[in-house]
């Protein structure tokens, strides 16, 4: 007798996979939207910039070529470069330009140096450093009007706290609002107080981006903390320092609120001793009603900022090339 294996039922036949359909090409409307959509996303910014940035800039240049009075803004008399020649012939323009430079130096240099040292301290691990990092930003969040009014009381000649403290060490009271150097120091103090913490946080962010391996290698070579600061931290912060110098230079050129509120005078003191270019422009436009000359001052300030920023960038580029060539 022959034994045969039982037949196994055949499994279900697998269906042959259908060929994948070719991808559908987007229609003309979709292809057009794919090309236009990037521009549509950035269009709101450029629209606002054109309306509130570019147009006022161009219109100010147009007005600076005419004689325009605030009482009759529709009556425009062509002057060409007359507003600029009259501006450069005004001694108060050169006084305000000199004051802008001196106040800018008195406020920018101590501000950035103190901010760098403060950021270096906040970069260490210490108790409550989160609170301290938040606290240094409080002066920046304070209203410029409130801060300046408080400092105006502190720098009062007769009852100010600063003169009281100077009297305790035998120094005669200082007329902070009428002296040339003293008034500029008072204005610079307000600027330093408001912006030091802001720049300190920028420096702190730059310090935290420096790799720890550089500090470890410097420590293994026997470098002290001071040497690490000068040879590791400062080179790593060079782009950040350049940014803060440029921003502080622009802010110093446009300084307006602090000198205006220190005494409440648009002339910047009795002898214009702390009148900046911003105050001078305001005085010409809204004090003497010469809108054409005020527009010329605005364009001079704009060109001055461009030159200062260009000089800073050129110095930084040359320094980088010298270090790269070593």
C-alpha atoms as a PDB file:
ATOM      1  CA  UNK A   1       0.000   0.000   0.000  1.00  0.00           C
ATOM      2  CA  UNK A   2       1.390   3.384  -1.003  1.00  0.00           C
ATOM      3  CA  UNK A   3       1.038   6.313   1.379  1.00  0.00           C
ATOM      4  CA  UNK A   4       0.637   9.769  -0.111  1.00  0.00           C
ATOM      5  CA  UNK A   5       0.914  13.071   1.698  1.00  0.00           C
ATOM      6  CA  UNK A   6      -2.323  14.895   2.159  1.00  0.00           C
ATOM      7  CA  UNK A   7      -2.846  17.754  -0.173  1.00  0.00           C
ATOM      8  CA  UNK A   8      -2.553  21.146   1.452  1.00  0.00           C
ATOM      9  CA  UNK A   9      -5.048  23.703   0.372  1.00  0.00           C
ATOM     10  CA  UNK A  10      -3.550  26.409  -1.750  1.00  0.00           C
ATOM     11  CA  UNK A  11      -3.354  29.800  -0.059  1.00  0.00           C
ATOM     12  CA  UNK A  12      -5.147  32.800  -1.398  1.00  0.00           C
ATOM     13  CA  UNK A  13      -3.523  34.276  -4.407  1.00  0.00           C
ATOM     14  CA  UNK A  14      -1.961  37.618  -3.657  1.00  0.00           C
ATOM     15  CA  UNK A  15      -3.149  40.393  -5.847  1.00  0.00           C
ATOM     16  CA  UNK A  16      -0.496  41.906  -8.023  1.00  0.00           C
ATOM     17  CA  UNK A  17       0.239  45.454  -6.797  1.00  0.00           C
ATOM     18  CA  UNK A  18      -1.047  48.087  -9.110  1.00  0.00           C
ATOM     19  CA  UNK A  19       1.527  50.468 -10.497  1.00  0.00           C
ATOM     20  CA  UNK A  20       1.721  53.737  -8.524  1.00  0.00           C
ATOM     21  CA  UNK A  21      -0.007  56.592 -10.167  1.00  0.00           C
ATOM     22  CA  UNK A  22       2.309  59.349 -11.343  1.00  0.00           C
ATOM     23  CA  UNK A  23       2.338  62.397  -9.020  1.00  0.00           C
ATOM     24  CA  UNK A  24      -0.138  64.996 -10.003  1.00  0.00           C
ATOM     25  CA  UNK A  25       1.412  68.167 -11.210  1.00  0.00           C
ATOM     26  CA  UNK A  26       0.126  71.239  -9.407  1.00  0.00           C
ATOM     27  CA  UNK A  27      -2.126  73.437 -11.386  1.00  0.00           C
ATOM     28  CA  UNK A  28      -1.158  76.866 -12.687  1.00  0.00           C
ATOM     29  CA  UNK A  29      -2.724  78.637  -9.700  1.00  0.00           C
ATOM     30  CA  UNK A  30      -0.809  76.479  -7.209  1.00  0.00           C
ATOM     31  CA  UNK A  31       2.473  76.940  -9.065  1.00  0.00           C
ATOM     32  CA  UNK A  32       1.934  80.672  -9.088  1.00  0.00           C
ATOM     33  CA  UNK A  33       1.193  80.689  -5.338  1.00  0.00           C
ATOM     34  CA  UNK A  34       4.361  78.663  -4.623  1.00  0.00           C
ATOM     35  CA  UNK A  35       6.401  81.320  -6.383  1.00  0.00           C
ATOM     36  CA  UNK A  36       4.597  84.302  -4.856  1.00  0.00           C
ATOM     37  CA  UNK A  37       4.025  83.044  -1.287  1.00  0.00           C
ATOM     38  CA  UNK A  38       7.533  83.879   0.068  1.00  0.00           C
ATOM     39  CA  UNK A  39       7.078  87.469  -1.042  1.00  0.00           C
ATOM     40  CA  UNK A  40       3.571  87.558   0.401  1.00  0.00           C
ATOM     41  CA  UNK A  41       4.872  86.513   3.826  1.00  0.00           C
ATOM     42  CA  UNK A  42       7.440  89.320   3.978  1.00  0.00           C
ATOM     43  CA  UNK A  43       5.243  91.909   2.273  1.00  0.00           C
ATOM     44  CA  UNK A  44       3.674  93.267   5.524  1.00  0.00           C
ATOM     45  CA  UNK A  45       7.089  94.220   6.920  1.00  0.00           C
ATOM     46  CA  UNK A  46       8.248  95.965   3.766  1.00  0.00           C
ATOM     47  CA  UNK A  47       4.877  97.678   3.391  1.00  0.00           C
ATOM     48  CA  UNK A  48       5.088  99.118   6.899  1.00  0.00           C
ATOM     49  CA  UNK A  49       8.745  99.999   6.395  1.00  0.00           C
ATOM     50  CA  UNK A  50       7.959 101.831   3.161  1.00  0.00           C
ATOM     51  CA  UNK A  51       5.053 103.710   4.762  1.00  0.00           C
ATOM     52  CA  UNK A  52       6.657 104.651   8.089  1.00  0.00           C
ATOM     53  CA  UNK A  53      10.378 104.476   7.324  1.00  0.00           C
ATOM     54  CA  UNK A  54      11.288 105.012   3.692  1.00  0.00           C
ATOM     55  CA  UNK A  55       8.619 107.550   2.763  1.00  0.00           C
ATOM     56  CA  UNK A  56       9.292 109.892   5.753  1.00  0.00           C
ATOM     57  CA  UNK A  57      13.018 109.688   4.986  1.00  0.00           C
ATOM     58  CA  UNK A  58      12.536 110.684   1.347  1.00  0.00           C
ATOM     59  CA  UNK A  59       9.935 113.325   2.189  1.00  0.00           C
ATOM     60  CA  UNK A  60      12.224 114.849   4.825  1.00  0.00           C
ATOM     61  CA  UNK A  61      14.964 115.160   2.199  1.00  0.00           C
ATOM     62  CA  UNK A  62      12.429 116.857  -0.086  1.00  0.00           C
ATOM     63  CA  UNK A  63      11.294 119.301   2.620  1.00  0.00           C
ATOM     64  CA  UNK A  64      14.891 120.153   3.531  1.00  0.00           C
ATOM     65  CA  UNK A  65      15.261 121.834   0.135  1.00  0.00           C
ATOM     66  CA  UNK A  66      12.384 124.257   0.788  1.00  0.00           C
ATOM     67  CA  UNK A  67      11.546 127.010   3.209  1.00  0.00           C
ATOM     68  CA  UNK A  68       8.576 125.666   5.169  1.00  0.00           C
ATOM     69  CA  UNK A  69       7.051 127.216   8.270  1.00  0.00           C
ATOM     70  CA  UNK A  70       4.996 125.322  10.814  1.00  0.00           C
ATOM     71  CA  UNK A  71       2.138 127.844  10.674  1.00  0.00           C
ATOM     72  CA  UNK A  72       1.813 127.559   6.881  1.00  0.00           C
ATOM     73  CA  UNK A  73       3.071 124.104   5.860  1.00  0.00           C
ATOM     74  CA  UNK A  74       1.409 124.407   2.448  1.00  0.00           C
ATOM     75  CA  UNK A  75       3.482 127.433   1.427  1.00  0.00           C
ATOM     76  CA  UNK A  76       6.805 126.058   0.250  1.00  0.00           C
ATOM     77  CA  UNK A  77       9.574 128.249  -1.139  1.00  0.00           C
ATOM     78  CA  UNK A  78      12.456 126.643  -2.992  1.00  0.00           C
ATOM     79  CA  UNK A  79      15.815 127.179  -1.283  1.00  0.00           C
ATOM     80  CA  UNK A  80      17.960 124.382  -2.639  1.00  0.00           C
ATOM     81  CA  UNK A  81      20.874 123.918  -0.270  1.00  0.00           C
ATOM     82  CA  UNK A  82      20.090 127.166   1.527  1.00  0.00           C
ATOM     83  CA  UNK A  83      18.900 125.381   4.666  1.00  0.00           C
ATOM     84  CA  UNK A  84      22.161 123.451   4.840  1.00  0.00           C
ATOM     85  CA  UNK A  85      24.378 126.512   4.315  1.00  0.00           C
ATOM     86  CA  UNK A  86      22.422 128.428   6.966  1.00  0.00           C
ATOM     87  CA  UNK A  87      22.742 125.440   9.251  1.00  0.00           C
ATOM     88  CA  UNK A  88      26.516 125.199   8.887  1.00  0.00           C
ATOM     89  CA  UNK A  89      26.776 128.943   9.505  1.00  0.00           C
ATOM     90  CA  UNK A  90      24.911 128.739  12.812  1.00  0.00           C
ATOM     91  CA  UNK A  91      27.215 128.573  15.841  1.00  0.00           C
ATOM     92  CA  UNK A  92      24.566 126.758  17.876  1.00  0.00           C
ATOM     93  CA  UNK A  93      24.638 123.904  15.372  1.00  0.00           C
ATOM     94  CA  UNK A  94      28.336 123.366  16.001  1.00  0.00           C
ATOM     95  CA  UNK A  95      27.736 123.692  19.743  1.00  0.00           C
ATOM     96  CA  UNK A  96      25.058 121.010  19.641  1.00  0.00           C
ATOM     97  CA  UNK A  97      27.283 118.810  17.479  1.00  0.00           C
ATOM     98  CA  UNK A  98      30.131 119.148  19.971  1.00  0.00           C
ATOM     99  CA  UNK A  99      27.782 118.474  22.885  1.00  0.00           C
ATOM    100  CA  UNK A 100      26.444 115.378  21.145  1.00  0.00           C
ATOM    101  CA  UNK A 101      29.968 114.049  20.727  1.00  0.00           C
ATOM    102  CA  UNK A 102      31.087 114.751  24.305  1.00  0.00           C
ATOM    103  CA  UNK A 103      27.892 113.424  25.898  1.00  0.00           C
ATOM    104  CA  UNK A 104      28.107 110.382  23.637  1.00  0.00           C
ATOM    105  CA  UNK A 105      31.647 109.628  24.793  1.00  0.00           C
ATOM    106  CA  UNK A 106      30.830 110.294  28.460  1.00  0.00           C
ATOM    107  CA  UNK A 107      27.866 107.941  28.304  1.00  0.00           C
ATOM    108  CA  UNK A 108      28.974 105.236  25.884  1.00  0.00           C
ATOM    109  CA  UNK A 109      32.454 104.398  27.192  1.00  0.00           C
ATOM    110  CA  UNK A 110      31.567 103.975  30.916  1.00  0.00           C
ATOM    111  CA  UNK A 111      28.325 102.266  29.972  1.00  0.00           C
ATOM    112  CA  UNK A 112      29.942  99.546  27.868  1.00  0.00           C
ATOM    113  CA  UNK A 113      32.848  99.038  30.279  1.00  0.00           C
ATOM    114  CA  UNK A 114      30.483  98.639  33.246  1.00  0.00           C
ATOM    115  CA  UNK A 115      28.200  96.388  31.215  1.00  0.00           C
ATOM    116  CA  UNK A 116      31.123  94.148  30.289  1.00  0.00           C
ATOM    117  CA  UNK A 117      32.235  93.810  33.911  1.00  0.00           C
ATOM    118  CA  UNK A 118      28.685  93.210  35.106  1.00  0.00           C
ATOM    119  CA  UNK A 119      28.129  90.514  32.496  1.00  0.00           C
ATOM    120  CA  UNK A 120      31.395  88.849  33.515  1.00  0.00           C
ATOM    121  CA  UNK A 121      30.181  88.655  37.123  1.00  0.00           C
ATOM    122  CA  UNK A 122      26.735  87.400  36.145  1.00  0.00           C
ATOM    123  CA  UNK A 123      28.315  84.671  34.054  1.00  0.00           C
ATOM    124  CA  UNK A 124      29.630  82.943  37.186  1.00  0.00           C
ATOM    125  CA  UNK A 125      27.534  80.480  39.121  1.00  0.00           C
ATOM    126  CA  UNK A 126      26.158  82.287  42.132  1.00  0.00           C
ATOM    127  CA  UNK A 127      23.040  82.267  44.220  1.00  0.00           C
ATOM    128  CA  UNK A 128      20.182  84.312  42.882  1.00  0.00           C
ATOM    129  CA  UNK A 129      21.823  84.971  39.540  1.00  0.00           C
ATOM    130  CA  UNK A 130      18.476  84.629  37.741  1.00  0.00           C
ATOM    131  CA  UNK A 131      17.053  87.380  39.922  1.00  0.00           C
ATOM    132  CA  UNK A 132      20.131  89.539  39.342  1.00  0.00           C
ATOM    133  CA  UNK A 133      19.923  89.047  35.591  1.00  0.00           C
ATOM    134  CA  UNK A 134      16.326  90.241  35.697  1.00  0.00           C
ATOM    135  CA  UNK A 135      17.069  93.123  38.046  1.00  0.00           C
ATOM    136  CA  UNK A 136      19.754  94.651  35.802  1.00  0.00           C
ATOM    137  CA  UNK A 137      17.097  95.105  33.116  1.00  0.00           C
ATOM    138  CA  UNK A 138      14.757  97.136  35.342  1.00  0.00           C
ATOM    139  CA  UNK A 139      16.374 100.536  34.559  1.00  0.00           C
ATOM    140  CA  UNK A 140      15.830  99.895  30.844  1.00  0.00           C
ATOM    141  CA  UNK A 141      12.150  99.122  31.516  1.00  0.00           C
ATOM    142  CA  UNK A 142      11.740 102.375  33.454  1.00  0.00           C
ATOM    143  CA  UNK A 143      10.227 105.317  31.619  1.00  0.00           C
ATOM    144  CA  UNK A 144      12.830 107.799  30.421  1.00  0.00           C
ATOM    145  CA  UNK A 145      10.667 110.644  31.719  1.00  0.00           C
ATOM    146  CA  UNK A 146      10.373 109.171  35.208  1.00  0.00           C
ATOM    147  CA  UNK A 147      14.075 108.309  35.390  1.00  0.00           C
ATOM    148  CA  UNK A 148      15.217 111.746  34.192  1.00  0.00           C
ATOM    149  CA  UNK A 149      12.926 113.594  36.611  1.00  0.00           C
ATOM    150  CA  UNK A 150      14.322 111.555  39.506  1.00  0.00           C
ATOM    151  CA  UNK A 151      17.898 112.273  38.453  1.00  0.00           C
ATOM    152  CA  UNK A 152      17.052 115.957  38.041  1.00  0.00           C
ATOM    153  CA  UNK A 153      16.127 115.980  41.733  1.00  0.00           C
ATOM    154  CA  UNK A 154      19.286 114.062  42.661  1.00  0.00           C
ATOM    155  CA  UNK A 155      21.436 116.580  40.775  1.00  0.00           C
ATOM    156  CA  UNK A 156      19.670 119.615  42.249  1.00  0.00           C
ATOM    157  CA  UNK A 157      21.998 122.450  43.188  1.00  0.00           C
ATOM    158  CA  UNK A 158      20.517 123.369  46.581  1.00  0.00           C
ATOM    159  CA  UNK A 159      18.734 120.264  47.839  1.00  0.00           C
ATOM    160  CA  UNK A 160      20.084 117.489  45.632  1.00  0.00           C
ATOM    161  CA  UNK A 161      21.332 114.270  47.174  1.00  0.00           C
ATOM    162  CA  UNK A 162      24.512 114.312  45.071  1.00  0.00           C
ATOM    163  CA  UNK A 163      25.608 117.705  46.392  1.00  0.00           C
ATOM    164  CA  UNK A 164      24.697 116.609  49.903  1.00  0.00           C
ATOM    165  CA  UNK A 165      26.985 113.589  49.577  1.00  0.00           C
ATOM    166  CA  UNK A 166      29.754 115.782  48.148  1.00  0.00           C
ATOM    167  CA  UNK A 167      29.369 118.147  51.094  1.00  0.00           C
ATOM    168  CA  UNK A 168      30.003 115.293  53.501  1.00  0.00           C
ATOM    169  CA  UNK A 169      33.515 114.918  52.100  1.00  0.00           C
ATOM    170  CA  UNK A 170      34.189 118.663  51.998  1.00  0.00           C
ATOM    171  CA  UNK A 171      33.416 119.375  48.311  1.00  0.00           C
ATOM    172  CA  UNK A 172      31.492 122.528  47.467  1.00  0.00           C
ATOM    173  CA  UNK A 173      28.065 122.161  45.800  1.00  0.00           C
ATOM    174  CA  UNK A 174      28.147 121.778  42.021  1.00  0.00           C
ATOM    175  CA  UNK A 175      25.704 123.559  39.707  1.00  0.00           C
ATOM    176  CA  UNK A 176      24.820 120.466  37.701  1.00  0.00           C
ATOM    177  CA  UNK A 177      22.326 122.194  35.397  1.00  0.00           C
ATOM    178  CA  UNK A 178      24.265 125.348  34.471  1.00  0.00           C
ATOM    179  CA  UNK A 179      27.860 124.170  34.298  1.00  0.00           C
ATOM    180  CA  UNK A 180      28.990 122.889  30.920  1.00  0.00           C
ATOM    181  CA  UNK A 181      30.926 119.812  32.023  1.00  0.00           C
ATOM    182  CA  UNK A 182      28.727 119.197  35.079  1.00  0.00           C
ATOM    183  CA  UNK A 183      25.474 119.265  33.089  1.00  0.00           C
ATOM    184  CA  UNK A 184      26.879 116.911  30.473  1.00  0.00           C
ATOM    185  CA  UNK A 185      27.985 114.521  33.214  1.00  0.00           C
ATOM    186  CA  UNK A 186      24.468 114.654  34.692  1.00  0.00           C
ATOM    187  CA  UNK A 187      22.875 113.811  31.334  1.00  0.00           C
ATOM    188  CA  UNK A 188      25.409 111.045  30.720  1.00  0.00           C
ATOM    189  CA  UNK A 189      24.690 109.550  34.143  1.00  0.00           C
ATOM    190  CA  UNK A 190      21.024 109.078  33.244  1.00  0.00           C
ATOM    191  CA  UNK A 191      21.989 107.361  29.989  1.00  0.00           C
ATOM    192  CA  UNK A 192      24.517 105.107  31.731  1.00  0.00           C
ATOM    193  CA  UNK A 193      21.987 104.128  34.399  1.00  0.00           C
ATOM    194  CA  UNK A 194      19.314 103.208  31.835  1.00  0.00           C
ATOM    195  CA  UNK A 195      21.380 101.262  29.312  1.00  0.00           C
ATOM    196  CA  UNK A 196      24.123  99.489  31.283  1.00  0.00           C
ATOM    197  CA  UNK A 197      21.939  96.532  32.268  1.00  0.00           C
ATOM    198  CA  UNK A 198      20.590  96.165  28.733  1.00  0.00           C
ATOM    199  CA  UNK A 199      24.094  95.908  27.266  1.00  0.00           C
ATOM    200  CA  UNK A 200      25.165  93.625  30.119  1.00  0.00           C
ATOM    201  CA  UNK A 201      22.565  91.045  29.107  1.00  0.00           C
ATOM    202  CA  UNK A 202      23.735  91.239  25.502  1.00  0.00           C
ATOM    203  CA  UNK A 203      27.311  90.614  26.631  1.00  0.00           C
ATOM    204  CA  UNK A 204      26.136  87.799  28.896  1.00  0.00           C
ATOM    205  CA  UNK A 205      24.462  86.071  25.957  1.00  0.00           C
ATOM    206  CA  UNK A 206      27.675  86.416  23.973  1.00  0.00           C
ATOM    207  CA  UNK A 207      29.757  84.984  26.823  1.00  0.00           C
ATOM    208  CA  UNK A 208      27.524  81.938  27.118  1.00  0.00           C
ATOM    209  CA  UNK A 209      28.106  81.168  23.437  1.00  0.00           C
ATOM    210  CA  UNK A 210      31.879  80.861  23.967  1.00  0.00           C
ATOM    211  CA  UNK A 211      32.844  77.152  24.237  1.00  0.00           C
ATOM    212  CA  UNK A 212      33.892  75.993  27.716  1.00  0.00           C
ATOM    213  CA  UNK A 213      36.734  74.008  26.176  1.00  0.00           C
ATOM    214  CA  UNK A 214      38.613  77.244  25.562  1.00  0.00           C
ATOM    215  CA  UNK A 215      38.449  78.162  29.244  1.00  0.00           C
ATOM    216  CA  UNK A 216      39.465  74.630  30.268  1.00  0.00           C
ATOM    217  CA  UNK A 217      42.443  74.705  27.940  1.00  0.00           C
ATOM    218  CA  UNK A 218      43.472  78.118  29.249  1.00  0.00           C
ATOM    219  CA  UNK A 219      43.162  76.922  32.849  1.00  0.00           C
ATOM    220  CA  UNK A 220      45.310  73.863  32.089  1.00  0.00           C
ATOM    221  CA  UNK A 221      47.966  76.193  30.686  1.00  0.00           C
ATOM    222  CA  UNK A 222      47.966  78.074  33.992  1.00  0.00           C
ATOM    223  CA  UNK A 223      46.051  81.172  32.860  1.00  0.00           C
ATOM    224  CA  UNK A 224      44.413  83.132  35.655  1.00  0.00           C
ATOM    225  CA  UNK A 225      40.873  84.414  35.431  1.00  0.00           C
ATOM    226  CA  UNK A 226      42.099  87.816  34.299  1.00  0.00           C
ATOM    227  CA  UNK A 227      44.139  86.239  31.512  1.00  0.00           C
ATOM    228  CA  UNK A 228      41.171  84.106  30.524  1.00  0.00           C
ATOM    229  CA  UNK A 229      39.049  87.240  30.382  1.00  0.00           C
ATOM    230  CA  UNK A 230      41.485  89.165  28.170  1.00  0.00           C
ATOM    231  CA  UNK A 231      42.607  86.287  25.946  1.00  0.00           C
ATOM    232  CA  UNK A 232      39.441  84.174  25.687  1.00  0.00           C
ATOM    233  CA  UNK A 233      36.385  86.238  26.614  1.00  0.00           C
ATOM    234  CA  UNK A 234      37.216  89.498  24.849  1.00  0.00           C
ATOM    235  CA  UNK A 235      38.224  87.892  21.507  1.00  0.00           C
ATOM    236  CA  UNK A 236      35.061  85.784  21.605  1.00  0.00           C
ATOM    237  CA  UNK A 237      32.940  88.871  22.279  1.00  0.00           C
ATOM    238  CA  UNK A 238      34.392  91.000  19.494  1.00  0.00           C
ATOM    239  CA  UNK A 239      31.297  90.814  17.210  1.00  0.00           C
ATOM    240  CA  UNK A 240      29.025  91.502  20.187  1.00  0.00           C
ATOM    241  CA  UNK A 241      31.135  94.461  21.302  1.00  0.00           C
ATOM    242  CA  UNK A 242      31.042  95.882  17.774  1.00  0.00           C
ATOM    243  CA  UNK A 243      27.255  95.568  17.752  1.00  0.00           C
ATOM    244  CA  UNK A 244      26.850  97.375  21.090  1.00  0.00           C
ATOM    245  CA  UNK A 245      29.272 100.124  20.026  1.00  0.00           C
ATOM    246  CA  UNK A 246      27.285 100.750  16.850  1.00  0.00           C
ATOM    247  CA  UNK A 247      23.922 100.726  18.628  1.00  0.00           C
ATOM    248  CA  UNK A 248      25.223 102.994  21.414  1.00  0.00           C
ATOM    249  CA  UNK A 249      26.678 105.390  18.838  1.00  0.00           C
ATOM    250  CA  UNK A 250      23.336 105.637  17.064  1.00  0.00           C
ATOM    251  CA  UNK A 251      21.553 106.177  20.379  1.00  0.00           C
ATOM    252  CA  UNK A 252      24.017 108.892  21.442  1.00  0.00           C
ATOM    253  CA  UNK A 253      23.547 110.725  18.147  1.00  0.00           C
ATOM    254  CA  UNK A 254      19.756 110.679  18.582  1.00  0.00           C
ATOM    255  CA  UNK A 255      19.809 111.617  22.285  1.00  0.00           C
ATOM    256  CA  UNK A 256      16.745 113.719  23.060  1.00  0.00           C
ATOM    257  CA  UNK A 257      14.637 112.773  26.086  1.00  0.00           C
ATOM    258  CA  UNK A 258      17.294 112.944  28.802  1.00  0.00           C
ATOM    259  CA  UNK A 259      18.634 116.455  28.026  1.00  0.00           C
ATOM    260  CA  UNK A 260      15.123 117.764  27.406  1.00  0.00           C
ATOM    261  CA  UNK A 261      13.717 116.623  30.746  1.00  0.00           C
ATOM    262  CA  UNK A 262      16.754 117.388  32.886  1.00  0.00           C
ATOM    263  CA  UNK A 263      15.769 121.057  33.059  1.00  0.00           C
ATOM    264  CA  UNK A 264      12.706 121.176  30.810  1.00  0.00           C
ATOM    265  CA  UNK A 265      14.310 123.510  28.271  1.00  0.00           C
ATOM    266  CA  UNK A 266      14.615 122.846  24.544  1.00  0.00           C
ATOM    267  CA  UNK A 267      17.652 125.130  24.380  1.00  0.00           C
ATOM    268  CA  UNK A 268      19.700 122.737  26.518  1.00  0.00           C
ATOM    269  CA  UNK A 269      20.515 125.176  29.289  1.00  0.00           C
ATOM    270  CA  UNK A 270      21.101 128.910  29.456  1.00  0.00           C
ATOM    271  CA  UNK A 271      24.143 128.823  27.178  1.00  0.00           C
ATOM    272  CA  UNK A 272      23.146 125.697  25.221  1.00  0.00           C
ATOM    273  CA  UNK A 273      25.740 123.823  27.252  1.00  0.00           C
ATOM    274  CA  UNK A 274      24.095 120.415  26.876  1.00  0.00           C
ATOM    275  CA  UNK A 275      21.911 120.901  23.802  1.00  0.00           C
ATOM    276  CA  UNK A 276      22.246 117.878  21.522  1.00  0.00           C
ATOM    277  CA  UNK A 277      21.442 117.619  17.827  1.00  0.00           C
ATOM    278  CA  UNK A 278      18.048 116.139  18.691  1.00  0.00           C
ATOM    279  CA  UNK A 279      17.199 119.114  20.907  1.00  0.00           C
ATOM    280  CA  UNK A 280      18.534 121.548  18.299  1.00  0.00           C
ATOM    281  CA  UNK A 281      16.306 119.990  15.643  1.00  0.00           C
ATOM    282  CA  UNK A 282      13.292 120.183  17.953  1.00  0.00           C
ATOM    283  CA  UNK A 283      14.059 123.821  18.755  1.00  0.00           C
ATOM    284  CA  UNK A 284      14.281 124.788  15.096  1.00  0.00           C
ATOM    285  CA  UNK A 285      11.141 122.904  14.061  1.00  0.00           C
ATOM    286  CA  UNK A 286       8.780 123.386  17.004  1.00  0.00           C
ATOM    287  CA  UNK A 287      10.389 126.324  18.806  1.00  0.00           C
ATOM    288  CA  UNK A 288      11.156 128.606  15.858  1.00  0.00           C
ATOM    289  CA  UNK A 289       8.723 126.876  13.430  1.00  0.00           C
ATOM    290  CA  UNK A 290      11.383 126.348  10.718  1.00  0.00           C
ATOM    291  CA  UNK A 291      10.381 122.922   9.405  1.00  0.00           C
ATOM    292  CA  UNK A 292      12.703 123.115   6.405  1.00  0.00           C
ATOM    293  CA  UNK A 293      15.747 123.702   8.581  1.00  0.00           C
ATOM    294  CA  UNK A 294      14.621 120.992  11.009  1.00  0.00           C
ATOM    295  CA  UNK A 295      14.420 118.572   8.074  1.00  0.00           C
ATOM    296  CA  UNK A 296      17.956 119.550   7.060  1.00  0.00           C
ATOM    297  CA  UNK A 297      19.169 118.822  10.604  1.00  0.00           C
ATOM    298  CA  UNK A 298      17.472 115.425  10.484  1.00  0.00           C
ATOM    299  CA  UNK A 299      19.324 114.536   7.300  1.00  0.00           C
ATOM    300  CA  UNK A 300      22.623 115.744   8.717  1.00  0.00           C
ATOM    301  CA  UNK A 301      22.044 113.459  11.715  1.00  0.00           C
ATOM    302  CA  UNK A 302      21.245 110.562   9.381  1.00  0.00           C
ATOM    303  CA  UNK A 303      24.428 111.084   7.354  1.00  0.00           C
ATOM    304  CA  UNK A 304      26.444 111.463  10.554  1.00  0.00           C
ATOM    305  CA  UNK A 305      25.140 108.120  11.820  1.00  0.00           C
ATOM    306  CA  UNK A 306      26.011 106.457   8.500  1.00  0.00           C
ATOM    307  CA  UNK A 307      29.568 107.825   8.678  1.00  0.00           C
ATOM    308  CA  UNK A 308      30.069 106.779  12.314  1.00  0.00           C
ATOM    309  CA  UNK A 309      28.723 103.273  11.696  1.00  0.00           C
ATOM    310  CA  UNK A 310      30.915 102.949   8.608  1.00  0.00           C
ATOM    311  CA  UNK A 311      34.017 104.038  10.545  1.00  0.00           C
ATOM    312  CA  UNK A 312      33.303 101.524  13.319  1.00  0.00           C
ATOM    313  CA  UNK A 313      32.776  98.726  10.804  1.00  0.00           C
ATOM    314  CA  UNK A 314      35.965  99.665   8.927  1.00  0.00           C
ATOM    315  CA  UNK A 315      38.062  99.661  12.105  1.00  0.00           C
ATOM    316  CA  UNK A 316      36.643  96.283  13.121  1.00  0.00           C
ATOM    317  CA  UNK A 317      37.308  94.817   9.673  1.00  0.00           C
ATOM    318  CA  UNK A 318      40.916  96.012   9.613  1.00  0.00           C
ATOM    319  CA  UNK A 319      41.492  94.603  13.082  1.00  0.00           C
ATOM    320  CA  UNK A 320      40.070  91.258  12.036  1.00  0.00           C
ATOM    321  CA  UNK A 321      42.317  91.164   8.962  1.00  0.00           C
ATOM    322  CA  UNK A 322      45.395  91.922  11.048  1.00  0.00           C
ATOM    323  CA  UNK A 323      44.588  89.115  13.478  1.00  0.00           C
ATOM    324  CA  UNK A 324      43.832  86.723  10.628  1.00  0.00           C
ATOM    325  CA  UNK A 325      47.200  87.500   9.051  1.00  0.00           C
ATOM    326  CA  UNK A 326      49.145  86.638  12.204  1.00  0.00           C
END
